[in-house]
Amino acid sequence: MIATMILGSRLVGTHEIAVMFGVSRQRAQQIAAGKDFPKPYDVLHMGKVWRRKAVEQWGREHGRTPADTPPVG
């Protein structure tokens, strides 16, 4: 359980990406499908997940400042 909580705060799905960048979930899916977006950390039954830090770094490099949101988990 503790490992899930720790990893949960470090991993994000498209919902969290949408919240981070202030876009719709559909737009977050489009962004995540881009060739320059970080590769997923893993693919789960519910979908792809990415490392939060990689997504935040990508956002800074592409002029998308992540919102100051607390980690989910």
PDB file of N, CA and C in Angstrom:
ATOM      1  N   MET A   1       0.809  -1.188   0.000  1.00  0.00           N
ATOM      2  CA  MET A   1       0.000   0.000   0.000  1.00  0.00           C
ATOM      3  C   MET A   1       0.858   1.260   0.000  1.00  0.00           C
ATOM      4  N   ILE A   2       1.875   1.292   0.839  1.00  0.00           N
ATOM      5  CA  ILE A   2       2.739   2.470   0.901  1.00  0.00           C
ATOM      6  C   ILE A   2       3.464   2.659  -0.426  1.00  0.00           C
ATOM      7  N   ALA A   3       3.943   1.570  -1.022  1.00  0.00           N
ATOM      8  CA  ALA A   3       4.626   1.678  -2.317  1.00  0.00           C
ATOM      9  C   ALA A   3       3.685   2.251  -3.362  1.00  0.00           C
ATOM     10  N   THR A   4       2.421   1.854  -3.343  1.00  0.00           N
ATOM     11  CA  THR A   4       1.445   2.387  -4.291  1.00  0.00           C
ATOM     12  C   THR A   4       1.258   3.873  -4.077  1.00  0.00           C
ATOM     13  N   MET A   5       1.212   4.317  -2.827  1.00  0.00           N
ATOM     14  CA  MET A   5       1.044   5.748  -2.544  1.00  0.00           C
ATOM     15  C   MET A   5       2.251   6.537  -3.030  1.00  0.00           C
ATOM     16  N   ILE A   6       3.433   6.018  -2.809  1.00  0.00           N
ATOM     17  CA  ILE A   6       4.642   6.720  -3.242  1.00  0.00           C
ATOM     18  C   ILE A   6       4.698   6.776  -4.760  1.00  0.00           C
ATOM     19  N   LEU A   7       4.512   5.644  -5.423  1.00  0.00           N
ATOM     20  CA  LEU A   7       4.540   5.634  -6.876  1.00  0.00           C
ATOM     21  C   LEU A   7       3.397   6.449  -7.447  1.00  0.00           C
ATOM     22  N   GLY A   8       2.242   6.425  -6.798  1.00  0.00           N
ATOM     23  CA  GLY A   8       1.096   7.190  -7.272  1.00  0.00           C
ATOM     24  C   GLY A   8       1.380   8.671  -7.358  1.00  0.00           C
ATOM     25  N   SER A   9       2.204   9.182  -6.488  1.00  0.00           N
ATOM     26  CA  SER A   9       2.522  10.604  -6.529  1.00  0.00           C
ATOM     27  C   SER A   9       3.580  10.921  -7.584  1.00  0.00           C
ATOM     28  N   ARG A  10       4.251   9.908  -8.075  1.00  0.00           N
ATOM     29  CA  ARG A  10       5.311  10.114  -9.059  1.00  0.00           C
ATOM     30  C   ARG A  10       4.874   9.781 -10.477  1.00  0.00           C
ATOM     31  N   LEU A  11       3.732   9.128 -10.611  1.00  0.00           N
ATOM     32  CA  LEU A  11       3.227   8.735 -11.917  1.00  0.00           C
ATOM     33  C   LEU A  11       1.953   9.498 -12.228  1.00  0.00           C
ATOM     34  N   VAL A  12       1.746   9.799 -13.506  1.00  0.00           N
ATOM     35  CA  VAL A  12       0.545  10.515 -13.925  1.00  0.00           C
ATOM     36  C   VAL A  12      -0.051   9.858 -15.154  1.00  0.00           C
ATOM     37  N   GLY A  13      -1.377   9.932 -15.252  1.00  0.00           N
ATOM     38  CA  GLY A  13      -2.097   9.504 -16.436  1.00  0.00           C
ATOM     39  C   GLY A  13      -2.611  10.732 -17.169  1.00  0.00           C
ATOM     40  N   THR A  14      -3.429  10.522 -18.172  1.00  0.00           N
ATOM     41  CA  THR A  14      -3.901  11.660 -18.964  1.00  0.00           C
ATOM     42  C   THR A  14      -4.774  12.620 -18.151  1.00  0.00           C
ATOM     43  N   HIS A  15      -5.508  12.110 -17.165  1.00  0.00           N
ATOM     44  CA  HIS A  15      -6.302  13.017 -16.330  1.00  0.00           C
ATOM     45  C   HIS A  15      -5.391  13.999 -15.596  1.00  0.00           C
ATOM     46  N   GLU A  16      -4.337  13.486 -14.970  1.00  0.00           N
ATOM     47  CA  GLU A  16      -3.412  14.348 -14.239  1.00  0.00           C
ATOM     48  C   GLU A  16      -2.678  15.302 -15.175  1.00  0.00           C
ATOM     49  N   ILE A  17      -2.338  14.844 -16.376  1.00  0.00           N
ATOM     50  CA  ILE A  17      -1.692  15.716 -17.357  1.00  0.00           C
ATOM     51  C   ILE A  17      -2.636  16.862 -17.727  1.00  0.00           C
ATOM     52  N   ALA A  18      -3.903  16.543 -17.917  1.00  0.00           N
ATOM     53  CA  ALA A  18      -4.894  17.578 -18.239  1.00  0.00           C
ATOM     54  C   ALA A  18      -4.964  18.617 -17.131  1.00  0.00           C
ATOM     55  N   VAL A  19      -4.988  18.172 -15.901  1.00  0.00           N
ATOM     56  CA  VAL A  19      -5.034  19.097 -14.767  1.00  0.00           C
ATOM     57  C   VAL A  19      -3.754  19.918 -14.692  1.00  0.00           C
ATOM     58  N   MET A  20      -2.607  19.266 -14.896  1.00  0.00           N
ATOM     59  CA  MET A  20      -1.316  19.954 -14.817  1.00  0.00           C
ATOM     60  C   MET A  20      -1.226  21.109 -15.804  1.00  0.00           C
ATOM     61  N   PHE A  21      -1.733  20.903 -17.014  1.00  0.00           N
ATOM     62  CA  PHE A  21      -1.578  21.902 -18.060  1.00  0.00           C
ATOM     63  C   PHE A  21      -2.843  22.694 -18.349  1.00  0.00           C
ATOM     64  N   GLY A  22      -3.902  22.435 -17.587  1.00  0.00           N
ATOM     65  CA  GLY A  22      -5.127  23.210 -17.745  1.00  0.00           C
ATOM     66  C   GLY A  22      -5.811  23.002 -19.085  1.00  0.00           C
ATOM     67  N   VAL A  23      -5.823  21.747 -19.545  1.00  0.00           N
ATOM     68  CA  VAL A  23      -6.456  21.417 -20.821  1.00  0.00           C
ATOM     69  C   VAL A  23      -7.478  20.307 -20.587  1.00  0.00           C
ATOM     70  N   SER A  24      -8.275  20.027 -21.612  1.00  0.00           N
ATOM     71  CA  SER A  24      -9.235  18.931 -21.505  1.00  0.00           C
ATOM     72  C   SER A  24      -8.499  17.596 -21.526  1.00  0.00           C
ATOM     73  N   ARG A  25      -9.169  16.560 -21.083  1.00  0.00           N
ATOM     74  CA  ARG A  25      -8.561  15.230 -21.114  1.00  0.00           C
ATOM     75  C   ARG A  25      -8.289  14.809 -22.558  1.00  0.00           C
ATOM     76  N   GLN A  26      -9.180  15.168 -23.459  1.00  0.00           N
ATOM     77  CA  GLN A  26      -8.970  14.839 -24.863  1.00  0.00           C
ATOM     78  C   GLN A  26      -7.717  15.530 -25.398  1.00  0.00           C
ATOM     79  N   ARG A  27      -7.521  16.800 -25.021  1.00  0.00           N
ATOM     80  CA  ARG A  27      -6.331  17.531 -25.473  1.00  0.00           C
ATOM     81  C   ARG A  27      -5.081  16.920 -24.844  1.00  0.00           C
ATOM     82  N   ALA A  28      -5.179  16.494 -23.599  1.00  0.00           N
ATOM     83  CA  ALA A  28      -4.042  15.845 -22.944  1.00  0.00           C
ATOM     84  C   ALA A  28      -3.666  14.563 -23.677  1.00  0.00           C
ATOM     85  N   GLN A  29      -4.656  13.828 -24.149  1.00  0.00           N
ATOM     86  CA  GLN A  29      -4.382  12.615 -24.919  1.00  0.00           C
ATOM     87  C   GLN A  29      -3.673  12.949 -26.229  1.00  0.00           C
ATOM     88  N   GLN A  30      -4.075  14.038 -26.865  1.00  0.00           N
ATOM     89  CA  GLN A  30      -3.413  14.464 -28.102  1.00  0.00           C
ATOM     90  C   GLN A  30      -1.966  14.858 -27.826  1.00  0.00           C
ATOM     91  N   ILE A  31      -1.763  15.601 -26.752  1.00  0.00           N
ATOM     92  CA  ILE A  31      -0.404  16.027 -26.387  1.00  0.00           C
ATOM     93  C   ILE A  31       0.467  14.803 -26.118  1.00  0.00           C
ATOM     94  N   ALA A  32      -0.059  13.857 -25.344  1.00  0.00           N
ATOM     95  CA  ALA A  32       0.702  12.664 -24.968  1.00  0.00           C
ATOM     96  C   ALA A  32       1.017  11.779 -26.174  1.00  0.00           C
ATOM     97  N   ALA A  33       0.234  11.897 -27.228  1.00  0.00           N
ATOM     98  CA  ALA A  33       0.472  11.099 -28.435  1.00  0.00           C
ATOM     99  C   ALA A  33       1.548  11.705 -29.328  1.00  0.00           C
ATOM    100  N   GLY A  34       1.997  12.912 -29.007  1.00  0.00           N
ATOM    101  CA  GLY A  34       3.008  13.580 -29.825  1.00  0.00           C
ATOM    102  C   GLY A  34       4.339  12.852 -29.797  1.00  0.00           C
ATOM    103  N   LYS A  35       5.060  12.933 -30.908  1.00  0.00           N
ATOM    104  CA  LYS A  35       6.342  12.231 -31.032  1.00  0.00           C
ATOM    105  C   LYS A  35       7.389  12.727 -30.038  1.00  0.00           C
ATOM    106  N   ASP A  36       7.282  14.000 -29.618  1.00  0.00           N
ATOM    107  CA  ASP A  36       8.284  14.549 -28.709  1.00  0.00           C
ATOM    108  C   ASP A  36       7.895  14.417 -27.236  1.00  0.00           C
ATOM    109  N   PHE A  37       6.724  13.847 -26.952  1.00  0.00           N
ATOM    110  CA  PHE A  37       6.296  13.660 -25.567  1.00  0.00           C
ATOM    111  C   PHE A  37       7.066  12.477 -24.971  1.00  0.00           C
ATOM    112  N   PRO A  38       7.349  12.526 -23.663  1.00  0.00           N
ATOM    113  CA  PRO A  38       8.091  11.410 -23.053  1.00  0.00           C
ATOM    114  C   PRO A  38       7.397  10.062 -23.281  1.00  0.00           C
ATOM    115  N   LYS A  39       8.198   9.038 -23.367  1.00  0.00           N
ATOM    116  CA  LYS A  39       7.664   7.684 -23.500  1.00  0.00           C
ATOM    117  C   LYS A  39       6.969   7.302 -22.187  1.00  0.00           C
ATOM    118  N   PRO A  40       5.893   6.539 -22.265  1.00  0.00           N
ATOM    119  CA  PRO A  40       5.223   6.114 -21.035  1.00  0.00           C
ATOM    120  C   PRO A  40       6.154   5.275 -20.159  1.00  0.00           C
ATOM    121  N   TYR A  41       5.980   5.416 -18.863  1.00  0.00           N
ATOM    122  CA  TYR A  41       6.720   4.591 -17.903  1.00  0.00           C
ATOM    123  C   TYR A  41       6.211   3.161 -17.976  1.00  0.00           C
ATOM    124  N   ASP A  42       4.883   3.027 -18.132  1.00  0.00           N
ATOM    125  CA  ASP A  42       4.272   1.712 -18.207  1.00  0.00           C
ATOM    126  C   ASP A  42       2.905   1.840 -18.864  1.00  0.00           C
ATOM    127  N   VAL A  43       2.380   0.729 -19.307  1.00  0.00           N
ATOM    128  CA  VAL A  43       1.025   0.685 -19.849  1.00  0.00           C
ATOM    129  C   VAL A  43       0.227  -0.272 -18.971  1.00  0.00           C
ATOM    130  N   LEU A  44      -0.775   0.277 -18.310  1.00  0.00           N
ATOM    131  CA  LEU A  44      -1.621  -0.504 -17.420  1.00  0.00           C
ATOM    132  C   LEU A  44      -2.947  -0.791 -18.108  1.00  0.00           C
ATOM    133  N   HIS A  45      -3.761  -1.587 -17.479  1.00  0.00           N
ATOM    134  CA  HIS A  45      -5.080  -1.883 -18.036  1.00  0.00           C
ATOM    135  C   HIS A  45      -5.867  -0.589 -18.250  1.00  0.00           C
ATOM    136  N   MET A  46      -5.732   0.362 -17.329  1.00  0.00           N
ATOM    137  CA  MET A  46      -6.470   1.625 -17.437  1.00  0.00           C
ATOM    138  C   MET A  46      -5.837   2.612 -18.409  1.00  0.00           C
ATOM    139  N   GLY A  47      -4.650   2.334 -18.884  1.00  0.00           N
ATOM    140  CA  GLY A  47      -4.002   3.216 -19.847  1.00  0.00           C
ATOM    141  C   GLY A  47      -2.535   3.448 -19.525  1.00  0.00           C
ATOM    142  N   LYS A  48      -1.947   4.379 -20.237  1.00  0.00           N
ATOM    143  CA  LYS A  48      -0.530   4.699 -20.076  1.00  0.00           C
ATOM    144  C   LYS A  48      -0.321   5.585 -18.851  1.00  0.00           C
ATOM    145  N   VAL A  49       0.854   5.436 -18.253  1.00  0.00           N
ATOM    146  CA  VAL A  49       1.269   6.313 -17.167  1.00  0.00           C
ATOM    147  C   VAL A  49       2.680   6.799 -17.455  1.00  0.00           C
ATOM    148  N   TRP A  50       2.952   8.033 -17.024  1.00  0.00           N
ATOM    149  CA  TRP A  50       4.246   8.671 -17.240  1.00  0.00           C
ATOM    150  C   TRP A  50       4.829   9.093 -15.910  1.00  0.00           C
ATOM    151  N   ARG A  51       6.131   9.255 -15.886  1.00  0.00           N
ATOM    152  CA  ARG A  51       6.787   9.819 -14.695  1.00  0.00           C
ATOM    153  C   ARG A  51       6.441  11.305 -14.637  1.00  0.00           C
ATOM    154  N   ARG A  52       5.960  11.740 -13.487  1.00  0.00           N
ATOM    155  CA  ARG A  52       5.554  13.137 -13.300  1.00  0.00           C
ATOM    156  C   ARG A  52       6.693  14.084 -13.673  1.00  0.00           C
ATOM    157  N   LYS A  53       7.902  13.802 -13.213  1.00  0.00           N
ATOM    158  CA  LYS A  53       9.029  14.701 -13.482  1.00  0.00           C
ATOM    159  C   LYS A  53       9.311  14.835 -14.977  1.00  0.00           C
ATOM    160  N   ALA A  54       9.189  13.747 -15.723  1.00  0.00           N
ATOM    161  CA  ALA A  54       9.433  13.801 -17.170  1.00  0.00           C
ATOM    162  C   ALA A  54       8.387  14.666 -17.860  1.00  0.00           C
ATOM    163  N   VAL A  55       7.131  14.548 -17.417  1.00  0.00           N
ATOM    164  CA  VAL A  55       6.057  15.346 -18.009  1.00  0.00           C
ATOM    165  C   VAL A  55       6.242  16.818 -17.647  1.00  0.00           C
ATOM    166  N   GLU A  56       6.596  17.110 -16.405  1.00  0.00           N
ATOM    167  CA  GLU A  56       6.832  18.495 -16.005  1.00  0.00           C
ATOM    168  C   GLU A  56       7.989  19.104 -16.797  1.00  0.00           C
ATOM    169  N   GLN A  57       9.065  18.331 -16.969  1.00  0.00           N
ATOM    170  CA  GLN A  57      10.211  18.809 -17.747  1.00  0.00           C
ATOM    171  C   GLN A  57       9.807  19.089 -19.187  1.00  0.00           C
ATOM    172  N   TRP A  58       9.055  18.171 -19.792  1.00  0.00           N
ATOM    173  CA  TRP A  58       8.569  18.364 -21.154  1.00  0.00           C
ATOM    174  C   TRP A  58       7.744  19.651 -21.231  1.00  0.00           C
ATOM    175  N   GLY A  59       6.893  19.861 -20.259  1.00  0.00           N
ATOM    176  CA  GLY A  59       6.065  21.061 -20.241  1.00  0.00           C
ATOM    177  C   GLY A  59       6.900  22.332 -20.217  1.00  0.00           C
ATOM    178  N   ARG A  60       7.912  22.362 -19.369  1.00  0.00           N
ATOM    179  CA  ARG A  60       8.782  23.550 -19.304  1.00  0.00           C
ATOM    180  C   ARG A  60       9.493  23.777 -20.628  1.00  0.00           C
ATOM    181  N   GLU A  61       9.958  22.712 -21.261  1.00  0.00           N
ATOM    182  CA  GLU A  61      10.669  22.830 -22.533  1.00  0.00           C
ATOM    183  C   GLU A  61       9.761  23.272 -23.677  1.00  0.00           C
ATOM    184  N   HIS A  62       8.460  23.081 -23.532  1.00  0.00           N
ATOM    185  CA  HIS A  62       7.504  23.404 -24.593  1.00  0.00           C
ATOM    186  C   HIS A  62       6.564  24.546 -24.220  1.00  0.00           C
ATOM    187  N   GLY A  63       6.984  25.348 -23.246  1.00  0.00           N
ATOM    188  CA  GLY A  63       6.213  26.529 -22.887  1.00  0.00           C
ATOM    189  C   GLY A  63       4.894  26.235 -22.192  1.00  0.00           C
ATOM    190  N   ARG A  64       4.763  25.068 -21.612  1.00  0.00           N
ATOM    191  CA  ARG A  64       3.558  24.698 -20.871  1.00  0.00           C
ATOM    192  C   ARG A  64       3.942  24.548 -19.406  1.00  0.00           C
ATOM    193  N   THR A  65       3.794  25.618 -18.681  1.00  0.00           N
ATOM    194  CA  THR A  65       4.158  25.592 -17.274  1.00  0.00           C
ATOM    195  C   THR A  65       3.140  24.758 -16.511  1.00  0.00           C
ATOM    196  N   PRO A  66       3.592  23.705 -15.858  1.00  0.00           N
ATOM    197  CA  PRO A  66       2.662  22.891 -15.090  1.00  0.00           C
ATOM    198  C   PRO A  66       2.020  23.716 -13.969  1.00  0.00           C
ATOM    199  N   ALA A  67       0.729  23.521 -13.780  1.00  0.00           N
ATOM    200  CA  ALA A  67       0.030  24.188 -12.693  1.00  0.00           C
ATOM    201  C   ALA A  67       0.605  23.660 -11.376  1.00  0.00           C
ATOM    202  N   ASP A  68       0.518  24.468 -10.365  1.00  0.00           N
ATOM    203  CA  ASP A  68       1.016  24.074  -9.046  1.00  0.00           C
ATOM    204  C   ASP A  68      -0.015  23.158  -8.400  1.00  0.00           C
ATOM    205  N   THR A  69       0.022  21.896  -8.806  1.00  0.00           N
ATOM    206  CA  THR A  69      -0.939  20.934  -8.292  1.00  0.00           C
ATOM    207  C   THR A  69      -0.224  19.930  -7.404  1.00  0.00           C
ATOM    208  N   PRO A  70      -0.868  19.560  -6.321  1.00  0.00           N
ATOM    209  CA  PRO A  70      -0.244  18.559  -5.460  1.00  0.00           C
ATOM    210  C   PRO A  70      -0.240  17.211  -6.146  1.00  0.00           C
ATOM    211  N   PRO A  71       0.748  16.376  -5.834  1.00  0.00           N
ATOM    212  CA  PRO A  71       0.769  15.044  -6.435  1.00  0.00           C
ATOM    213  C   PRO A  71      -0.470  14.260  -6.068  1.00  0.00           C
ATOM    214  N   VAL A  72      -0.935  13.444  -6.975  1.00  0.00           N
ATOM    215  CA  VAL A  72      -2.084  12.590  -6.726  1.00  0.00           C
ATOM    216  C   VAL A  72      -1.592  11.311  -6.100  1.00  0.00           C
ATOM    217  N   GLY A  73      -2.287  10.796  -5.113  1.00  0.00           N
ATOM    218  CA  GLY A  73      -1.875   9.522  -4.556  1.00  0.00           C
ATOM    219  C   GLY A  73      -2.011   9.384  -3.151  1.00  0.00           C
TER     220      GLY A  73
END
